Amino acid sequence: MEGLLLRLSSLDADAENAVRVIGFFDRLIASRASLDAIVRKASGLAECPLGVSSSTRGLQVGGPIPVHATRRELEDGTVVWLARAGKPLPLDDMVLERFSIAVALSLELSRVPLPALGDPALVELALSDSAGEAERSRALHLLELKPTTPLRVLAVKGTPTGLSAALGPLHAVLATNEIPDQDGEVGISTQVPAINAPAAWAEARTALRFASVGHPAVRADDLGSQIALASLPGEEIAKLPDVIALDGLDPQLLTVLTALASTGSNRKAAAAIHRHHSTIPARIAQAEAALGFPIDTPEGRFRLHLALVLRHLRDN
């Protein structure tokens, strides 16, 4: 039936095509399609956005309701909408009517006991990229968050503080206002609407890869174009001559170079690692001989910094 429909724009508002629209939604209902699937497939049929919104359920699928959208309200106050930018099509009213029926039945079937879940399980569901938008909306609602609430996600290596869940070797923390201090290294996502928490969680984990003992908290906002380096495969980074050269240096010399790259001056580097500044030039000369390029020029400092960052990403 779905294959026969093609696109709504190709259908006239006659009885035969109305029956085909009804059959399209009946098939979705019979297959017990998820709310996300209903919204996605109905939007494909209509060739325009459709969505569902319920403040009482904490539900939002398809994004915020556009100002120009045509709306229908279900008995429980849930709003379904169709937002066509241009002139309405003859079957738009029929689509919205059948869409509202499919949504109402889906909401009845999807009443799982989420309230019995504890906060960690709800946090995990809100961060899950495999969960549907409807499931994430309901989890956020039970955490007293709206889908549009501005949110940052933290990826924490140590003991977490705040609304959190253990996900593999890390802890995820949801922060809506001030970012709580964390124990150990932490990556902090950019601020996003709470419904986009899965993407923020991925971003936080990427930011965490840049963290170190000397720089334990890293914001994705502050990484700029450096964040693109995280997409490079570790095995490719390991082949780079500058990284190979760094691997051959002793740990103390690497400490000096890391301090020099982060501070930009011999005196500041010496102070950061509690050495006398007079010892730094000799260490720089030793490093230059091993690396094969000068590091007392802007270009050399940049090359050193890039190699150190890449080496760190390879190992994290």
Protein backbone atom coordinates (compact mmCIF):
# COMPACT_ATOMS: atom_id res chain seq x y z
CA MET A 1 0.00 0.00 0.00
CA GLU A 2 2.82 2.43 0.90
CA GLY A 3 4.50 1.73 -2.41
CA LEU A 4 1.31 2.56 -4.34
CA LEU A 5 0.89 5.98 -2.76
CA LEU A 6 4.05 7.60 -4.06
CA ARG A 7 3.62 11.24 -3.01
CA LEU A 8 0.58 13.17 -1.81
CA SER A 9 1.22 15.86 -4.42
CA SER A 10 0.39 13.33 -7.14
CA LEU A 11 -3.05 12.46 -5.69
CA ASP A 12 -6.39 14.14 -6.35
CA ALA A 13 -8.99 14.60 -3.63
CA ASP A 14 -11.29 11.89 -4.95
CA ALA A 15 -12.77 8.96 -3.05
CA GLU A 16 -10.27 6.44 -4.42
CA ASN A 17 -7.24 8.41 -3.26
CA ALA A 18 -8.85 9.16 0.10
CA VAL A 19 -9.19 5.41 0.60
CA ARG A 20 -5.53 4.99 -0.29
CA VAL A 21 -4.55 7.53 2.37
CA ILE A 22 -6.73 5.73 4.92
CA GLY A 23 -5.12 2.44 3.95
CA PHE A 24 -1.65 3.94 4.37
CA PHE A 25 -2.33 4.86 7.99
CA ASP A 26 -4.28 1.66 8.68
CA ARG A 27 -1.19 -0.28 7.67
CA LEU A 28 0.95 1.71 10.10
CA ILE A 29 -1.57 1.07 12.87
CA ALA A 30 -1.81 -2.65 12.11
CA SER A 31 1.98 -3.02 12.19
CA ARG A 32 2.12 -1.19 15.53
CA ALA A 33 4.63 1.26 14.13
CA SER A 34 6.43 3.40 16.68
CA LEU A 35 5.48 7.03 17.07
CA ASP A 36 8.76 8.06 15.46
CA ALA A 37 8.06 5.79 12.49
CA ILE A 38 4.53 7.17 12.10
CA VAL A 39 5.83 10.75 12.07
CA ARG A 40 8.65 9.91 9.67
CA LYS A 41 6.50 7.97 7.18
CA ALA A 42 3.61 10.41 7.32
CA SER A 43 6.03 13.27 6.62
CA GLY A 44 7.35 11.33 3.64
CA LEU A 45 3.84 10.81 2.30
CA ALA A 46 2.82 14.43 2.81
CA GLU A 47 6.14 15.83 1.57
CA CYS A 48 6.17 18.26 4.46
CA PRO A 49 6.88 18.15 8.22
CA LEU A 50 4.38 16.54 10.60
CA GLY A 51 4.81 16.27 14.33
CA VAL A 52 3.42 15.56 17.77
CA SER A 53 3.67 17.71 20.89
CA SER A 54 2.35 17.21 24.42
CA SER A 55 3.42 19.30 27.39
CA THR A 56 1.68 16.99 29.86
CA ARG A 57 3.48 13.93 28.50
CA GLY A 58 6.72 15.79 27.91
CA LEU A 59 6.50 14.63 24.32
CA GLN A 60 7.91 16.24 21.21
CA VAL A 61 8.44 14.43 17.92
CA GLY A 62 9.23 16.33 14.75
CA GLY A 63 10.52 19.44 16.50
CA PRO A 64 8.70 22.50 17.89
CA ILE A 65 5.34 23.35 16.31
CA PRO A 66 5.86 25.80 13.43
CA VAL A 67 3.81 28.99 13.59
CA HIS A 68 2.10 28.29 10.26
CA ALA A 69 1.23 24.65 11.06
CA THR A 70 -2.29 23.25 10.85
CA ARG A 71 -3.14 21.61 14.19
CA ARG A 72 -5.47 19.06 15.72
CA GLU A 73 -5.80 18.43 19.44
CA LEU A 74 -6.36 14.94 20.81
CA GLU A 75 -8.59 14.23 23.82
CA ASP A 76 -5.67 14.30 26.26
CA GLY A 77 -4.39 17.65 24.97
CA THR A 78 -1.69 16.21 22.70
CA VAL A 79 -1.31 18.33 19.56
CA VAL A 80 -0.61 16.84 16.14
CA TRP A 81 0.36 19.17 13.33
CA LEU A 82 1.12 19.44 9.64
CA ALA A 83 3.28 22.30 8.37
CA ARG A 84 3.17 22.92 4.64
CA ALA A 85 5.06 25.99 3.49
CA GLY A 86 3.08 26.56 0.30
CA LYS A 87 -0.52 26.15 -0.75
CA PRO A 88 -2.41 23.33 1.05
CA LEU A 89 -2.92 20.14 -0.94
CA PRO A 90 -6.41 18.65 -1.40
CA LEU A 91 -5.77 15.70 0.92
CA ASP A 92 -3.95 17.57 3.72
CA ASP A 93 -7.02 17.49 5.99
CA MET A 94 -7.44 13.76 5.41
CA VAL A 95 -3.76 13.12 6.16
CA LEU A 96 -3.88 15.12 9.38
CA GLU A 97 -7.08 13.35 10.48
CA ARG A 98 -5.69 9.85 9.90
CA PHE A 99 -2.33 10.89 11.33
CA SER A 100 -4.07 12.01 14.54
CA ILE A 101 -5.82 8.63 14.83
CA ALA A 102 -2.57 6.72 14.32
CA VAL A 103 -0.81 8.91 16.89
CA ALA A 104 -3.59 8.48 19.46
CA LEU A 105 -3.47 4.69 19.13
CA SER A 106 0.32 4.66 19.26
CA LEU A 107 0.31 6.67 22.48
CA GLU A 108 -2.11 4.19 24.05
CA LEU A 109 0.08 1.24 23.05
CA SER A 110 3.33 2.88 24.20
CA ARG A 111 2.38 3.37 27.82
CA VAL A 112 5.34 1.51 29.30
CA PRO A 113 6.21 1.93 33.00
CA LEU A 114 8.94 4.54 32.54
CA PRO A 115 8.08 6.20 35.87
CA ALA A 116 9.46 3.10 37.61
CA LEU A 117 12.89 3.79 36.14
CA GLY A 118 15.43 5.58 38.32
CA ASP A 119 17.27 8.71 37.26
CA PRO A 120 20.33 6.87 35.86
CA ALA A 121 18.13 4.74 33.59
CA LEU A 122 16.25 7.83 32.42
CA VAL A 123 19.53 9.66 31.74
CA GLU A 124 20.74 6.68 29.73
CA LEU A 125 17.51 6.65 27.72
CA ALA A 126 17.71 10.40 27.09
CA LEU A 127 21.25 9.93 25.71
CA SER A 128 20.50 6.86 23.61
CA ASP A 129 20.88 7.41 19.88
CA SER A 130 18.96 4.19 19.28
CA ALA A 131 15.89 5.39 21.22
CA GLY A 132 13.17 7.20 19.31
CA GLU A 133 12.45 10.88 19.77
CA ALA A 134 9.23 9.98 21.58
CA GLU A 135 11.04 7.78 24.11
CA ARG A 136 13.69 10.43 24.73
CA SER A 137 11.02 13.10 25.18
CA ARG A 138 9.23 11.02 27.81
CA ALA A 139 12.49 10.29 29.64
CA LEU A 140 13.31 14.00 29.69
CA HIS A 141 9.81 14.74 30.99
CA LEU A 142 10.34 12.36 33.91
CA LEU A 143 13.65 14.11 34.60
CA GLU A 144 11.65 17.37 34.69
CA LEU A 145 13.26 18.63 31.50
CA LYS A 146 11.56 19.87 28.35
CA PRO A 147 12.77 18.80 24.89
CA THR A 148 13.75 22.43 24.29
CA THR A 149 15.58 22.93 27.61
CA PRO A 150 19.15 24.17 26.95
CA LEU A 151 21.46 21.38 28.04
CA ARG A 152 25.11 20.41 28.15
CA VAL A 153 26.30 16.84 28.50
CA LEU A 154 29.50 16.00 30.36
CA ALA A 155 31.65 12.91 29.82
CA VAL A 156 33.42 12.20 33.11
CA LYS A 157 36.22 9.74 33.82
CA GLY A 158 36.07 10.06 37.60
CA THR A 159 33.26 10.14 40.15
CA PRO A 160 30.39 12.23 38.74
CA THR A 161 28.51 15.08 40.38
CA GLY A 162 24.93 15.85 39.35
CA LEU A 163 22.29 14.05 37.31
CA SER A 164 24.29 11.17 35.88
CA ALA A 165 24.47 7.62 34.56
CA ALA A 166 27.33 5.17 34.09
CA LEU A 167 27.81 4.39 30.40
CA GLY A 168 30.66 1.96 29.87
CA PRO A 169 33.89 3.23 31.47
CA LEU A 170 32.56 6.80 31.64
CA HIS A 171 29.81 8.69 33.42
CA ALA A 172 27.43 11.00 31.60
CA VAL A 173 26.20 14.09 33.46
CA LEU A 174 23.33 16.34 32.34
CA ALA A 175 23.83 20.02 33.18
CA THR A 176 21.16 22.63 32.54
CA ASN A 177 22.56 25.60 34.46
CA GLU A 178 25.98 25.84 36.07
CA ILE A 179 28.36 23.05 35.13
CA PRO A 180 29.07 21.11 38.34
CA ASP A 181 32.70 20.50 39.28
CA GLN A 182 33.78 16.96 38.49
CA ASP A 183 36.42 14.63 39.85
CA GLY A 184 39.00 13.84 37.17
CA GLU A 185 39.06 14.56 33.46
CA VAL A 186 35.86 15.78 31.81
CA GLY A 187 34.66 16.66 28.32
CA ILE A 188 31.85 19.21 28.02
CA SER A 189 29.53 19.46 25.03
CA THR A 190 28.20 22.61 23.45
CA GLN A 191 24.76 23.72 24.63
CA VAL A 192 21.92 22.04 22.73
CA PRO A 193 18.16 21.47 23.15
CA ALA A 194 17.72 18.51 25.51
CA ILE A 195 16.11 16.39 22.78
CA ASN A 196 19.50 16.45 21.01
CA ALA A 197 21.29 14.95 24.02
CA PRO A 198 22.63 11.91 22.07
CA ALA A 199 24.63 14.19 19.76
CA ALA A 200 25.84 16.20 22.75
CA TRP A 201 26.97 13.00 24.48
CA ALA A 202 29.05 12.07 21.42
CA GLU A 203 30.51 15.58 21.37
CA ALA A 204 31.35 15.40 25.09
CA ARG A 205 33.20 12.12 24.58
CA THR A 206 35.18 13.71 21.77
CA ALA A 207 36.08 16.70 23.96
CA LEU A 208 37.18 14.30 26.70
CA ARG A 209 39.81 12.85 24.37
CA PHE A 210 41.58 16.23 24.43
CA ALA A 211 41.67 16.34 28.26
CA SER A 212 44.86 15.70 30.21
CA VAL A 213 46.21 15.95 33.74
CA GLY A 214 47.34 19.50 33.06
CA HIS A 215 44.08 20.42 31.31
CA PRO A 216 41.43 18.20 32.92
CA ALA A 217 38.28 20.01 31.73
CA VAL A 218 37.79 20.58 28.00
CA ARG A 219 34.81 22.35 26.43
CA ALA A 220 33.86 21.47 22.88
CA ASP A 221 33.17 25.20 22.39
CA ASP A 222 36.85 25.95 22.96
CA LEU A 223 38.28 23.36 20.59
CA GLY A 224 37.34 25.17 17.41
CA SER A 225 38.74 23.51 14.31
CA GLN A 226 40.91 21.24 16.45
CA ILE A 227 37.89 19.00 16.98
CA ALA A 228 38.28 17.79 13.39
CA LEU A 229 41.53 16.07 14.42
CA ALA A 230 39.54 13.62 16.54
CA SER A 231 38.17 11.99 13.39
CA LEU A 232 41.64 10.83 12.29
CA PRO A 233 42.20 7.08 12.82
CA GLY A 234 44.78 6.24 15.48
CA GLU A 235 46.66 3.94 13.13
CA GLU A 236 47.11 6.79 10.63
CA ILE A 237 48.31 9.18 13.34
CA ALA A 238 50.87 6.59 14.47
CA LYS A 239 52.48 6.69 10.99
CA LEU A 240 53.21 10.43 11.06
CA PRO A 241 56.97 11.18 11.29
CA ASP A 242 56.55 13.91 13.92
CA VAL A 243 54.51 11.59 16.14
CA ILE A 244 57.04 8.79 15.69
CA ALA A 245 59.81 11.23 16.69
CA LEU A 246 57.90 12.24 19.83
CA ASP A 247 57.49 8.58 20.74
CA GLY A 248 61.29 8.28 20.82
CA LEU A 249 61.77 11.05 23.40
CA ASP A 250 62.14 10.41 27.11
CA PRO A 251 59.14 11.30 29.33
CA GLN A 252 60.88 14.25 31.00
CA LEU A 253 61.64 15.87 27.66
CA LEU A 254 58.04 15.31 26.56
CA THR A 255 56.91 17.09 29.73
CA VAL A 256 59.08 20.08 28.83
CA LEU A 257 57.76 20.18 25.27
CA THR A 258 54.15 19.91 26.41
CA ALA A 259 54.65 22.83 28.81
CA LEU A 260 56.39 24.85 26.11
CA ALA A 261 53.60 24.23 23.59
CA SER A 262 50.88 25.20 26.06
CA THR A 263 52.56 28.30 27.53
CA GLY A 264 54.49 29.70 24.55
CA SER A 265 57.58 30.82 26.48
CA ASN A 266 60.62 29.25 28.13
CA ARG A 267 60.05 31.01 31.46
CA LYS A 268 56.37 30.09 31.67
CA ALA A 269 57.13 26.51 30.66
CA ALA A 270 59.81 26.27 33.35
CA ALA A 271 57.43 27.66 35.97
CA ALA A 272 54.68 25.24 34.93
CA ILE A 273 56.89 22.20 35.47
CA HIS A 274 58.83 23.66 38.43
CA ARG A 275 62.20 23.91 36.68
CA HIS A 276 64.67 26.78 36.42
CA HIS A 277 64.29 28.59 33.13
CA SER A 278 68.01 28.27 32.43
CA THR A 279 67.58 24.51 31.93
CA ILE A 280 65.01 24.87 29.14
CA PRO A 281 67.24 25.95 26.20
CA ALA A 282 69.37 22.81 26.45
CA ARG A 283 66.26 20.64 26.48
CA ILE A 284 64.90 22.50 23.46
CA ALA A 285 68.13 21.89 21.56
CA GLN A 286 67.93 18.20 22.44
CA ALA A 287 64.33 18.05 21.19
CA GLU A 288 65.11 19.90 17.96
CA ALA A 289 67.87 17.44 17.16
CA ALA A 290 65.47 14.52 17.62
CA LEU A 291 62.49 16.11 15.86
CA GLY A 292 64.39 17.52 12.92
CA PHE A 293 62.84 21.00 12.98
CA PRO A 294 63.29 24.19 15.05
CA ILE A 295 60.70 24.88 17.73
CA ASP A 296 61.69 28.46 18.53
CA THR A 297 59.68 29.89 15.60
CA PRO A 298 55.90 30.35 15.30
CA GLU A 299 55.78 27.68 12.61
CA GLY A 300 57.86 25.29 14.69
CA ARG A 301 55.72 25.85 17.79
CA PHE A 302 52.59 25.17 15.77
CA ARG A 303 54.07 21.99 14.32
CA LEU A 304 55.12 20.84 17.78
CA HIS A 305 51.70 21.60 19.26
CA LEU A 306 49.94 19.76 16.43
CA ALA A 307 52.16 16.70 16.83
CA LEU A 308 51.60 16.63 20.60
CA VAL A 309 47.82 16.90 20.17
CA LEU A 310 47.75 14.15 17.56
CA ARG A 311 49.86 11.87 19.73
CA HIS A 312 47.53 12.50 22.66
CA LEU A 313 44.46 11.70 20.54
CA ARG A 314 46.07 8.50 19.30
CA ASP A 315 46.36 7.32 22.89
CA ASN A 316 42.93 8.47 24.10
